[in-house]
Amino acid sequence: MATPLPADRLAAALRAEGVTVVEHPGWRTHHRNQAGAWGPVAGVMIHHTVSSGTASSVEMCFHGYKGLPGPLCHGVIAKDGTVHLVGSGRANHAGGGDPSVLKAVVSETYGERPPAPREHQGSANAVDGNSRFYGFECVNLGDGSDPWPAAQLDAIERVSAALCRAHGWGAKSVIGHLEWSDWKSDPKGFGMPGLRDRVQRRLAKAPVKNPPAAVPGAKPTPPRPRHQPFPGTSFFRTETSSPIITAMGRRLVAEGCSAYAVGPGPRWSEADRRSYARWQHKLGFRGSDADGIPGAASWNALKVPYTA
């Protein structure tokens, strides 16, 4: 299990995975932490809203309803694939669930034949899922007939992969509400094993943005530039000399984050660190998370060109 991501890092992780994020006003301080623990977290839980319409669904998930105050999740995934962030901290989305399921998620042994949940809210042995899972509500009526557009399924995959990548989890840390509590059916309309397979394949590669849509009759577009994969934190804690450092510095200058006196060079320096700290601040990182030492989320967002 892991310490939950603060709001800034949650948003940055999603964007680094290519997710289109909309921040609902007040979401960064909107939570139910006064009602119980938030963390350590074990995984990601996917739901459907039993509603239609993005605006009304986002409002419901932010404010809640009679008997269940909001936030009802951390993000709402619209049918167009946009993710609306509504909460940061404990949210009323999971309720009580089966301890054997939590054990399987924590141990990354949740497979094709996961333990069938036997517990729910109010059961004697139920465990508090609101403290252990990030929750994402997907706009869908949940009747088995309401379609799941490709853009929405892609966003669900990206959101799940983003949080798994941020915490170093595998895809078996992603479950549906129906796999947590014995009286739930969400998400209804697609299978969680298939989603986990797609998430695991995504985790095996560096994050990529959505490719541009093909236009009939249009000339082929040139190949998208390759981006330098994250070389690891230790790469920047020694007296490294590499063309990767120069490429990184040029990207920082292009982003308006330069602290260089004469321009970037191949040897890692204090000017590189201060420039990178400005980039981390631009992404919303604060405190020790903005110390100028690159991390995976901020590096992937910078898109440093590949160097042979």
C-alpha atoms as a PDB file:
ATOM      1  CA  MET A   1       0.000   0.000   0.000  1.00  0.00           C
ATOM      2  CA  ALA A   2       1.082   3.590  -0.520  1.00  0.00           C
ATOM      3  CA  THR A   3       0.692   7.154   0.694  1.00  0.00           C
ATOM      4  CA  PRO A   4      -2.055   8.889  -1.337  1.00  0.00           C
ATOM      5  CA  LEU A   5      -0.942  11.401  -3.932  1.00  0.00           C
ATOM      6  CA  PRO A   6      -1.611  15.041  -3.014  1.00  0.00           C
ATOM      7  CA  ALA A   7      -3.865  16.955  -5.401  1.00  0.00           C
ATOM      8  CA  ASP A   8      -1.049  18.498  -7.448  1.00  0.00           C
ATOM      9  CA  ARG A   9       0.661  15.183  -8.081  1.00  0.00           C
ATOM     10  CA  LEU A  10      -2.626  13.416  -8.846  1.00  0.00           C
ATOM     11  CA  ALA A  11      -3.450  15.918 -11.584  1.00  0.00           C
ATOM     12  CA  ALA A  12       0.127  15.819 -12.927  1.00  0.00           C
ATOM     13  CA  ALA A  13       0.142  12.003 -13.071  1.00  0.00           C
ATOM     14  CA  LEU A  14      -3.100  11.946 -15.070  1.00  0.00           C
ATOM     15  CA  ARG A  15      -1.890  14.572 -17.526  1.00  0.00           C
ATOM     16  CA  ALA A  16       1.435  12.775 -17.979  1.00  0.00           C
ATOM     17  CA  GLU A  17      -0.548   9.698 -19.066  1.00  0.00           C
ATOM     18  CA  GLY A  18      -2.338  11.733 -21.747  1.00  0.00           C
ATOM     19  CA  VAL A  19      -5.593  12.271 -19.836  1.00  0.00           C
ATOM     20  CA  THR A  20      -7.612  15.413 -20.596  1.00  0.00           C
ATOM     21  CA  VAL A  21      -8.253  16.875 -17.127  1.00  0.00           C
ATOM     22  CA  VAL A  22     -10.815  19.475 -16.027  1.00  0.00           C
ATOM     23  CA  GLU A  23     -10.412  20.728 -12.453  1.00  0.00           C
ATOM     24  CA  HIS A  24     -13.745  21.435 -10.750  1.00  0.00           C
ATOM     25  CA  PRO A  25     -13.456  24.561  -8.576  1.00  0.00           C
ATOM     26  CA  GLY A  26     -12.569  23.593  -5.005  1.00  0.00           C
ATOM     27  CA  TRP A  27     -11.669  19.975  -5.745  1.00  0.00           C
ATOM     28  CA  ARG A  28      -8.194  20.194  -4.197  1.00  0.00           C
ATOM     29  CA  THR A  29      -9.579  20.713  -0.679  1.00  0.00           C
ATOM     30  CA  HIS A  30     -12.831  18.760  -1.100  1.00  0.00           C
ATOM     31  CA  HIS A  31     -12.792  15.510   0.905  1.00  0.00           C
ATOM     32  CA  ARG A  32     -14.333  13.462   3.723  1.00  0.00           C
ATOM     33  CA  ASN A  33     -11.158  13.150   5.802  1.00  0.00           C
ATOM     34  CA  GLN A  34     -13.087  14.308   8.850  1.00  0.00           C
ATOM     35  CA  ALA A  35     -15.198  11.154   8.626  1.00  0.00           C
ATOM     36  CA  GLY A  36     -12.395   8.597   8.599  1.00  0.00           C
ATOM     37  CA  ALA A  37      -8.928   7.655   7.418  1.00  0.00           C
ATOM     38  CA  TRP A  38      -7.567   8.443   3.962  1.00  0.00           C
ATOM     39  CA  GLY A  39      -4.801   6.010   3.126  1.00  0.00           C
ATOM     40  CA  PRO A  40      -2.692   4.104   2.860  1.00  0.00           C
ATOM     41  CA  VAL A  41      -4.135   3.371  -0.580  1.00  0.00           C
ATOM     42  CA  ALA A  42      -4.074  -0.007  -2.269  1.00  0.00           C
ATOM     43  CA  GLY A  43      -5.595   0.569  -5.689  1.00  0.00           C
ATOM     44  CA  VAL A  44      -8.122   2.125  -8.041  1.00  0.00           C
ATOM     45  CA  MET A  45     -11.860   1.392  -8.099  1.00  0.00           C
ATOM     46  CA  ILE A  46     -14.054   1.957 -11.168  1.00  0.00           C
ATOM     47  CA  HIS A  47     -17.789   2.768 -10.952  1.00  0.00           C
ATOM     48  CA  HIS A  48     -20.687   3.890 -13.133  1.00  0.00           C
ATOM     49  CA  THR A  49     -22.791   6.886 -12.133  1.00  0.00           C
ATOM     50  CA  VAL A  50     -26.300   5.581 -13.002  1.00  0.00           C
ATOM     51  CA  SER A  51     -26.828   9.011 -14.580  1.00  0.00           C
ATOM     52  CA  SER A  52     -26.555  10.778 -17.914  1.00  0.00           C
ATOM     53  CA  GLY A  53     -25.072  14.123 -18.868  1.00  0.00           C
ATOM     54  CA  THR A  54     -21.621  15.321 -17.918  1.00  0.00           C
ATOM     55  CA  ALA A  55     -22.511  18.535 -16.061  1.00  0.00           C
ATOM     56  CA  SER A  56     -25.223  17.000 -13.865  1.00  0.00           C
ATOM     57  CA  SER A  57     -23.096  13.926 -13.138  1.00  0.00           C
ATOM     58  CA  VAL A  58     -20.117  16.056 -12.112  1.00  0.00           C
ATOM     59  CA  GLU A  59     -22.317  18.191  -9.846  1.00  0.00           C
ATOM     60  CA  MET A  60     -23.814  15.086  -8.219  1.00  0.00           C
ATOM     61  CA  CYS A  61     -20.390  13.547  -7.623  1.00  0.00           C
ATOM     62  CA  PHE A  62     -19.036  16.796  -6.184  1.00  0.00           C
ATOM     63  CA  HIS A  63     -21.939  17.583  -3.837  1.00  0.00           C
ATOM     64  CA  GLY A  64     -23.418  14.125  -3.232  1.00  0.00           C
ATOM     65  CA  TYR A  65     -27.093  13.672  -2.428  1.00  0.00           C
ATOM     66  CA  LYS A  66     -29.382  13.250   0.555  1.00  0.00           C
ATOM     67  CA  GLY A  67     -27.851  10.742   2.928  1.00  0.00           C
ATOM     68  CA  LEU A  68     -24.495  10.593   1.132  1.00  0.00           C
ATOM     69  CA  PRO A  69     -22.411  13.793   1.057  1.00  0.00           C
ATOM     70  CA  GLY A  70     -19.787  14.394  -1.603  1.00  0.00           C
ATOM     71  CA  PRO A  71     -17.306  13.958  -2.946  1.00  0.00           C
ATOM     72  CA  LEU A  72     -18.550  10.628  -4.282  1.00  0.00           C
ATOM     73  CA  CYS A  73     -15.260   9.950  -6.084  1.00  0.00           C
ATOM     74  CA  HIS A  74     -11.995  11.598  -7.072  1.00  0.00           C
ATOM     75  CA  GLY A  75     -12.817  12.019 -10.737  1.00  0.00           C
ATOM     76  CA  VAL A  76     -15.748  11.707 -13.139  1.00  0.00           C
ATOM     77  CA  ILE A  77     -14.931  10.175 -16.531  1.00  0.00           C
ATOM     78  CA  ALA A  78     -17.232  11.622 -19.186  1.00  0.00           C
ATOM     79  CA  LYS A  79     -18.270   9.838 -22.362  1.00  0.00           C
ATOM     80  CA  ASP A  80     -15.897  12.009 -24.399  1.00  0.00           C
ATOM     81  CA  GLY A  81     -12.968  10.824 -22.268  1.00  0.00           C
ATOM     82  CA  THR A  82     -12.562  14.040 -20.294  1.00  0.00           C
ATOM     83  CA  VAL A  83     -11.824  13.491 -16.605  1.00  0.00           C
ATOM     84  CA  HIS A  84     -13.388  15.992 -14.202  1.00  0.00           C
ATOM     85  CA  LEU A  85     -11.586  16.093 -10.845  1.00  0.00           C
ATOM     86  CA  VAL A  86     -14.008  16.616  -7.943  1.00  0.00           C
ATOM     87  CA  GLY A  87     -12.189  15.451  -4.814  1.00  0.00           C
ATOM     88  CA  SER A  88      -8.795  14.979  -3.215  1.00  0.00           C
ATOM     89  CA  GLY A  89      -8.780  12.834  -0.104  1.00  0.00           C
ATOM     90  CA  ARG A  90     -11.315  10.441   1.307  1.00  0.00           C
ATOM     91  CA  ALA A  91     -14.423  10.116  -0.882  1.00  0.00           C
ATOM     92  CA  ASN A  92     -17.747   8.303  -0.434  1.00  0.00           C
ATOM     93  CA  HIS A  93     -17.417   5.873  -3.309  1.00  0.00           C
ATOM     94  CA  ALA A  94     -16.455   2.388  -2.142  1.00  0.00           C
ATOM     95  CA  GLY A  95     -18.122   1.753   1.221  1.00  0.00           C
ATOM     96  CA  GLY A  96     -17.561  -1.555   2.932  1.00  0.00           C
ATOM     97  CA  GLY A  97     -16.081  -4.484   1.073  1.00  0.00           C
ATOM     98  CA  ASP A  98     -14.547  -7.897   1.351  1.00  0.00           C
ATOM     99  CA  PRO A  99     -11.221  -8.204   3.228  1.00  0.00           C
ATOM    100  CA  SER A 100     -10.137 -11.097   0.979  1.00  0.00           C
ATOM    101  CA  VAL A 101     -10.454  -8.807  -2.043  1.00  0.00           C
ATOM    102  CA  LEU A 102      -8.361  -6.131  -0.350  1.00  0.00           C
ATOM    103  CA  LYS A 103      -5.723  -8.760   0.492  1.00  0.00           C
ATOM    104  CA  ALA A 104      -5.610  -9.895  -3.153  1.00  0.00           C
ATOM    105  CA  VAL A 105      -5.259  -6.312  -4.401  1.00  0.00           C
ATOM    106  CA  VAL A 106      -2.483  -5.503  -1.935  1.00  0.00           C
ATOM    107  CA  SER A 107      -0.579  -8.680  -2.810  1.00  0.00           C
ATOM    108  CA  GLU A 108      -1.135  -8.156  -6.570  1.00  0.00           C
ATOM    109  CA  THR A 109      -2.678 -11.621  -6.873  1.00  0.00           C
ATOM    110  CA  TYR A 110      -6.027 -10.447  -8.210  1.00  0.00           C
ATOM    111  CA  GLY A 111      -6.391 -12.479 -11.404  1.00  0.00           C
ATOM    112  CA  GLU A 112      -8.865 -13.909 -13.880  1.00  0.00           C
ATOM    113  CA  ARG A 113     -10.669 -15.755 -11.084  1.00  0.00           C
ATOM    114  CA  PRO A 114     -10.649 -13.252  -8.227  1.00  0.00           C
ATOM    115  CA  PRO A 115     -12.292 -14.025  -4.888  1.00  0.00           C
ATOM    116  CA  ALA A 116     -16.037 -13.390  -5.098  1.00  0.00           C
ATOM    117  CA  PRO A 117     -16.943 -10.627  -2.645  1.00  0.00           C
ATOM    118  CA  ARG A 118     -19.023 -11.822   0.309  1.00  0.00           C
ATOM    119  CA  GLU A 119     -19.163  -8.604   2.318  1.00  0.00           C
ATOM    120  CA  HIS A 120     -20.704  -5.149   1.923  1.00  0.00           C
ATOM    121  CA  GLN A 121     -21.457  -1.985   3.880  1.00  0.00           C
ATOM    122  CA  GLY A 122     -22.781  -3.027   7.275  1.00  0.00           C
ATOM    123  CA  SER A 123     -21.430  -6.588   7.186  1.00  0.00           C
ATOM    124  CA  ALA A 124     -19.611  -7.641  10.309  1.00  0.00           C
ATOM    125  CA  ASN A 125     -16.303  -8.312   8.522  1.00  0.00           C
ATOM    126  CA  ALA A 126     -16.443  -5.537   5.920  1.00  0.00           C
ATOM    127  CA  VAL A 127     -13.429  -3.247   5.537  1.00  0.00           C
ATOM    128  CA  ASP A 128     -13.522   0.448   4.700  1.00  0.00           C
ATOM    129  CA  GLY A 129     -12.865   0.896   0.989  1.00  0.00           C
ATOM    130  CA  ASN A 130     -13.139   4.681   1.127  1.00  0.00           C
ATOM    131  CA  SER A 131      -9.795   4.827   2.906  1.00  0.00           C
ATOM    132  CA  ARG A 132      -8.034   2.343   0.609  1.00  0.00           C
ATOM    133  CA  PHE A 133      -9.036   3.167  -2.990  1.00  0.00           C
ATOM    134  CA  TYR A 134      -9.021   6.014  -5.446  1.00  0.00           C
ATOM    135  CA  GLY A 135     -12.485   6.130  -7.000  1.00  0.00           C
ATOM    136  CA  PHE A 136     -13.557   7.127 -10.515  1.00  0.00           C
ATOM    137  CA  GLU A 137     -17.200   7.404 -11.550  1.00  0.00           C
ATOM    138  CA  CYS A 138     -17.896   6.883 -15.254  1.00  0.00           C
ATOM    139  CA  VAL A 139     -20.942   8.560 -16.777  1.00  0.00           C
ATOM    140  CA  ASN A 140     -23.205   5.647 -17.716  1.00  0.00           C
ATOM    141  CA  LEU A 141     -26.755   4.564 -16.862  1.00  0.00           C
ATOM    142  CA  GLY A 142     -25.466   1.170 -15.768  1.00  0.00           C
ATOM    143  CA  ASP A 143     -28.340  -0.677 -17.426  1.00  0.00           C
ATOM    144  CA  GLY A 144     -26.171  -2.799 -19.702  1.00  0.00           C
ATOM    145  CA  SER A 145     -27.486  -0.970 -22.784  1.00  0.00           C
ATOM    146  CA  ASP A 146     -25.982   2.492 -22.404  1.00  0.00           C
ATOM    147  CA  PRO A 147     -22.898   2.471 -24.662  1.00  0.00           C
ATOM    148  CA  TRP A 148     -19.311   2.899 -23.539  1.00  0.00           C
ATOM    149  CA  PRO A 149     -17.608   5.058 -26.216  1.00  0.00           C
ATOM    150  CA  ALA A 150     -14.031   4.249 -27.174  1.00  0.00           C
ATOM    151  CA  ALA A 151     -12.843   7.623 -25.838  1.00  0.00           C
ATOM    152  CA  GLN A 152     -14.336   6.873 -22.425  1.00  0.00           C
ATOM    153  CA  LEU A 153     -12.849   3.376 -22.243  1.00  0.00           C
ATOM    154  CA  ASP A 154      -9.483   4.786 -23.282  1.00  0.00           C
ATOM    155  CA  ALA A 155      -9.675   7.373 -20.494  1.00  0.00           C
ATOM    156  CA  ILE A 156     -10.558   4.692 -17.920  1.00  0.00           C
ATOM    157  CA  GLU A 157      -7.490   2.754 -19.040  1.00  0.00           C
ATOM    158  CA  ARG A 158      -5.253   5.827 -18.890  1.00  0.00           C
ATOM    159  CA  VAL A 159      -6.508   6.947 -15.464  1.00  0.00           C
ATOM    160  CA  SER A 160      -5.940   3.470 -14.054  1.00  0.00           C
ATOM    161  CA  ALA A 161      -2.470   3.220 -15.604  1.00  0.00           C
ATOM    162  CA  ALA A 162      -1.524   6.723 -14.416  1.00  0.00           C
ATOM    163  CA  LEU A 163      -2.148   5.900 -10.756  1.00  0.00           C
ATOM    164  CA  CYS A 164      -0.574   2.459 -11.027  1.00  0.00           C
ATOM    165  CA  ARG A 165       2.491   4.025 -12.643  1.00  0.00           C
ATOM    166  CA  ALA A 166       2.692   6.751  -9.989  1.00  0.00           C
ATOM    167  CA  HIS A 167       2.669   4.195  -7.173  1.00  0.00           C
ATOM    168  CA  GLY A 168       4.615   1.403  -8.859  1.00  0.00           C
ATOM    169  CA  TRP A 169       1.588  -0.904  -8.910  1.00  0.00           C
ATOM    170  CA  GLY A 170       0.617  -3.458 -11.529  1.00  0.00           C
ATOM    171  CA  ALA A 171      -2.762  -3.648 -13.241  1.00  0.00           C
ATOM    172  CA  LYS A 172      -4.085  -6.065 -10.607  1.00  0.00           C
ATOM    173  CA  SER A 173      -4.471  -3.028  -8.348  1.00  0.00           C
ATOM    174  CA  VAL A 174      -7.463  -1.938 -10.474  1.00  0.00           C
ATOM    175  CA  ILE A 175     -10.898  -3.349  -9.592  1.00  0.00           C
ATOM    176  CA  GLY A 176     -14.554  -2.624 -10.203  1.00  0.00           C
ATOM    177  CA  HIS A 177     -17.086  -1.906  -7.472  1.00  0.00           C
ATOM    178  CA  LEU A 178     -18.813  -5.200  -8.287  1.00  0.00           C
ATOM    179  CA  GLU A 179     -15.564  -6.965  -7.365  1.00  0.00           C
ATOM    180  CA  TRP A 180     -15.440  -5.201  -3.994  1.00  0.00           C
ATOM    181  CA  SER A 181     -18.955  -5.493  -2.597  1.00  0.00           C
ATOM    182  CA  ASP A 182     -21.394  -8.384  -3.068  1.00  0.00           C
ATOM    183  CA  TRP A 183     -24.427  -6.222  -3.931  1.00  0.00           C
ATOM    184  CA  LYS A 184     -22.857  -3.948  -6.544  1.00  0.00           C
ATOM    185  CA  SER A 185     -22.936  -4.347 -10.346  1.00  0.00           C
ATOM    186  CA  ASP A 186     -20.732  -1.500 -11.531  1.00  0.00           C
ATOM    187  CA  PRO A 187     -19.223  -0.984 -13.947  1.00  0.00           C
ATOM    188  CA  LYS A 188     -21.809  -2.766 -16.104  1.00  0.00           C
ATOM    189  CA  GLY A 189     -21.155  -3.058 -19.810  1.00  0.00           C
ATOM    190  CA  PHE A 190     -17.482  -4.048 -20.021  1.00  0.00           C
ATOM    191  CA  GLY A 191     -15.267  -6.589 -18.267  1.00  0.00           C
ATOM    192  CA  MET A 192     -12.694  -5.706 -15.655  1.00  0.00           C
ATOM    193  CA  PRO A 193     -10.276  -8.536 -16.640  1.00  0.00           C
ATOM    194  CA  GLY A 194     -10.041  -7.051 -20.126  1.00  0.00           C
ATOM    195  CA  LEU A 195      -9.450  -3.589 -18.686  1.00  0.00           C
ATOM    196  CA  ARG A 196      -6.655  -4.917 -16.477  1.00  0.00           C
ATOM    197  CA  ASP A 197      -5.036  -6.551 -19.517  1.00  0.00           C
ATOM    198  CA  ARG A 198      -5.060  -3.229 -21.378  1.00  0.00           C
ATOM    199  CA  VAL A 199      -3.719  -1.369 -18.351  1.00  0.00           C
ATOM    200  CA  GLN A 200      -0.864  -3.860 -17.982  1.00  0.00           C
ATOM    201  CA  ARG A 201       0.085  -3.482 -21.643  1.00  0.00           C
ATOM    202  CA  ARG A 202       0.087   0.302 -21.237  1.00  0.00           C
ATOM    203  CA  LEU A 203       2.282   0.083 -18.145  1.00  0.00           C
ATOM    204  CA  ALA A 204       4.846  -1.884 -20.134  1.00  0.00           C
ATOM    205  CA  LYS A 205       5.472   1.209 -22.286  1.00  0.00           C
ATOM    206  CA  ALA A 206       6.219   4.863 -21.616  1.00  0.00           C
ATOM    207  CA  PRO A 207       3.120   7.093 -21.494  1.00  0.00           C
ATOM    208  CA  VAL A 208       1.967   8.386 -24.878  1.00  0.00           C
ATOM    209  CA  LYS A 209      -0.590  11.001 -25.872  1.00  0.00           C
ATOM    210  CA  ASN A 210      -3.562  10.206 -28.098  1.00  0.00           C
ATOM    211  CA  PRO A 211      -2.568   9.896 -31.781  1.00  0.00           C
ATOM    212  CA  PRO A 212      -4.255  12.370 -34.143  1.00  0.00           C
ATOM    213  CA  ALA A 213      -7.433  11.152 -35.821  1.00  0.00           C
ATOM    214  CA  ALA A 214      -7.068  10.064 -39.435  1.00  0.00           C
ATOM    215  CA  VAL A 215      -8.722  12.313 -42.011  1.00  0.00           C
ATOM    216  CA  PRO A 216      -9.947  10.564 -45.194  1.00  0.00           C
ATOM    217  CA  GLY A 217      -7.936  11.696 -48.205  1.00  0.00           C
ATOM    218  CA  ALA A 218      -5.381  13.580 -46.127  1.00  0.00           C
ATOM    219  CA  LYS A 219      -1.661  13.204 -46.720  1.00  0.00           C
ATOM    220  CA  PRO A 220       0.107  10.916 -44.239  1.00  0.00           C
ATOM    221  CA  THR A 221       1.443  12.806 -41.275  1.00  0.00           C
ATOM    222  CA  PRO A 222       5.147  12.475 -40.433  1.00  0.00           C
ATOM    223  CA  PRO A 223       6.082  10.160 -37.550  1.00  0.00           C
ATOM    224  CA  ARG A 224       5.600  11.642 -34.110  1.00  0.00           C
ATOM    225  CA  PRO A 225       8.867  12.560 -32.384  1.00  0.00           C
ATOM    226  CA  ARG A 226      10.268  10.008 -29.979  1.00  0.00           C
ATOM    227  CA  HIS A 227      10.634  11.125 -26.388  1.00  0.00           C
ATOM    228  CA  GLN A 228      13.436  10.159 -24.057  1.00  0.00           C
ATOM    229  CA  PRO A 229      12.208   7.656 -21.445  1.00  0.00           C
ATOM    230  CA  PHE A 230      12.765   8.581 -17.808  1.00  0.00           C
ATOM    231  CA  PRO A 231      16.349   7.533 -16.972  1.00  0.00           C
ATOM    232  CA  GLY A 232      15.697   7.197 -13.230  1.00  0.00           C
ATOM    233  CA  THR A 233      16.244   9.521 -10.302  1.00  0.00           C
ATOM    234  CA  SER A 234      19.780   8.270  -9.619  1.00  0.00           C
ATOM    235  CA  PHE A 235      20.810   9.484 -13.084  1.00  0.00           C
ATOM    236  CA  PHE A 236      20.516  13.045 -11.752  1.00  0.00           C
ATOM    237  CA  ARG A 237      22.190  12.531  -8.382  1.00  0.00           C
ATOM    238  CA  THR A 238      25.682  11.963  -9.740  1.00  0.00           C
ATOM    239  CA  GLU A 239      27.996  14.055 -11.900  1.00  0.00           C
ATOM    240  CA  THR A 240      26.238  12.904 -15.040  1.00  0.00           C
ATOM    241  CA  SER A 241      27.419  14.078 -18.452  1.00  0.00           C
ATOM    242  CA  SER A 242      25.044  13.129 -21.238  1.00  0.00           C
ATOM    243  CA  PRO A 243      23.320  14.611 -24.311  1.00  0.00           C
ATOM    244  CA  ILE A 244      20.084  13.795 -22.475  1.00  0.00           C
ATOM    245  CA  ILE A 245      20.892  16.621 -20.028  1.00  0.00           C
ATOM    246  CA  THR A 246      21.354  19.060 -22.910  1.00  0.00           C
ATOM    247  CA  ALA A 247      18.049  17.977 -24.504  1.00  0.00           C
ATOM    248  CA  MET A 248      16.297  18.351 -21.165  1.00  0.00           C
ATOM    249  CA  GLY A 249      17.748  21.830 -20.671  1.00  0.00           C
ATOM    250  CA  ARG A 250      16.579  22.965 -24.086  1.00  0.00           C
ATOM    251  CA  ARG A 251      13.058  21.794 -23.290  1.00  0.00           C
ATOM    252  CA  LEU A 252      13.148  23.685 -19.977  1.00  0.00           C
ATOM    253  CA  VAL A 253      14.201  26.845 -21.817  1.00  0.00           C
ATOM    254  CA  ALA A 254      11.345  26.340 -24.298  1.00  0.00           C
ATOM    255  CA  GLU A 255       8.901  26.017 -21.385  1.00  0.00           C
ATOM    256  CA  GLY A 256      10.111  29.305 -19.883  1.00  0.00           C
ATOM    257  CA  CYS A 257      11.743  27.592 -16.917  1.00  0.00           C
ATOM    258  CA  SER A 258      15.349  28.610 -17.528  1.00  0.00           C
ATOM    259  CA  ALA A 259      17.722  29.432 -14.688  1.00  0.00           C
ATOM    260  CA  TYR A 260      20.740  29.144 -16.996  1.00  0.00           C
ATOM    261  CA  ALA A 261      23.328  31.920 -17.299  1.00  0.00           C
ATOM    262  CA  VAL A 262      24.848  30.715 -20.566  1.00  0.00           C
ATOM    263  CA  GLY A 263      22.550  27.923 -21.704  1.00  0.00           C
ATOM    264  CA  PRO A 264      22.189  24.166 -21.041  1.00  0.00           C
ATOM    265  CA  GLY A 265      25.064  21.764 -21.511  1.00  0.00           C
ATOM    266  CA  PRO A 266      25.653  18.005 -21.146  1.00  0.00           C
ATOM    267  CA  ARG A 267      26.841  18.010 -17.525  1.00  0.00           C
ATOM    268  CA  TRP A 268      24.202  18.018 -14.763  1.00  0.00           C
ATOM    269  CA  SER A 269      24.573  21.235 -12.795  1.00  0.00           C
ATOM    270  CA  GLU A 270      22.945  23.438 -10.181  1.00  0.00           C
ATOM    271  CA  ALA A 271      21.474  25.528 -13.022  1.00  0.00           C
ATOM    272  CA  ASP A 272      19.812  22.386 -14.368  1.00  0.00           C
ATOM    273  CA  ARG A 273      18.400  21.597 -10.935  1.00  0.00           C
ATOM    274  CA  ARG A 274      17.019  25.120 -10.439  1.00  0.00           C
ATOM    275  CA  SER A 275      15.550  25.148 -13.946  1.00  0.00           C
ATOM    276  CA  TYR A 276      13.887  21.789 -13.360  1.00  0.00           C
ATOM    277  CA  ALA A 277      12.498  22.995 -10.020  1.00  0.00           C
ATOM    278  CA  ARG A 278      10.781  25.801 -11.934  1.00  0.00           C
ATOM    279  CA  TRP A 279       9.251  23.192 -14.245  1.00  0.00           C
ATOM    280  CA  GLN A 280       8.001  21.168 -11.264  1.00  0.00           C
ATOM    281  CA  HIS A 281       6.414  24.311  -9.822  1.00  0.00           C
ATOM    282  CA  LYS A 282       4.785  25.001 -13.185  1.00  0.00           C
ATOM    283  CA  LEU A 283       3.201  21.537 -13.041  1.00  0.00           C
ATOM    284  CA  GLY A 284       1.897  22.216  -9.533  1.00  0.00           C
ATOM    285  CA  PHE A 285       4.449  20.299  -7.450  1.00  0.00           C
ATOM    286  CA  ARG A 286       5.393  21.878  -4.121  1.00  0.00           C
ATOM    287  CA  GLY A 287       7.809  21.328  -1.217  1.00  0.00           C
ATOM    288  CA  SER A 288      10.107  18.324  -1.476  1.00  0.00           C
ATOM    289  CA  ASP A 289       8.305  17.274  -4.673  1.00  0.00           C
ATOM    290  CA  ALA A 290       9.728  20.393  -6.364  1.00  0.00           C
ATOM    291  CA  ASP A 291      13.391  19.930  -5.378  1.00  0.00           C
ATOM    292  CA  GLY A 292      14.684  20.061  -8.957  1.00  0.00           C
ATOM    293  CA  ILE A 293      15.431  16.324  -9.179  1.00  0.00           C
ATOM    294  CA  PRO A 294      13.368  14.852 -12.046  1.00  0.00           C
ATOM    295  CA  GLY A 295      10.694  12.288 -11.275  1.00  0.00           C
ATOM    296  CA  ALA A 296       8.797  10.080 -13.705  1.00  0.00           C
ATOM    297  CA  ALA A 297       5.589  12.173 -13.881  1.00  0.00           C
ATOM    298  CA  SER A 298       7.283  15.530 -14.442  1.00  0.00           C
ATOM    299  CA  TRP A 299       9.826  14.026 -16.873  1.00  0.00           C
ATOM    300  CA  ASN A 300       7.135  12.418 -19.018  1.00  0.00           C
ATOM    301  CA  ALA A 301       5.225  15.717 -19.082  1.00  0.00           C
ATOM    302  CA  LEU A 302       8.362  17.564 -20.271  1.00  0.00           C
ATOM    303  CA  LYS A 303       8.688  15.356 -23.410  1.00  0.00           C
ATOM    304  CA  VAL A 304      12.445  15.456 -23.775  1.00  0.00           C
ATOM    305  CA  PRO A 305      13.372  14.539 -27.391  1.00  0.00           C
ATOM    306  CA  TYR A 306      15.028  11.194 -27.878  1.00  0.00           C
ATOM    307  CA  THR A 307      18.789  11.263 -28.272  1.00  0.00           C
ATOM    308  CA  ALA A 308      20.532   8.398 -30.039  1.00  0.00           C
END
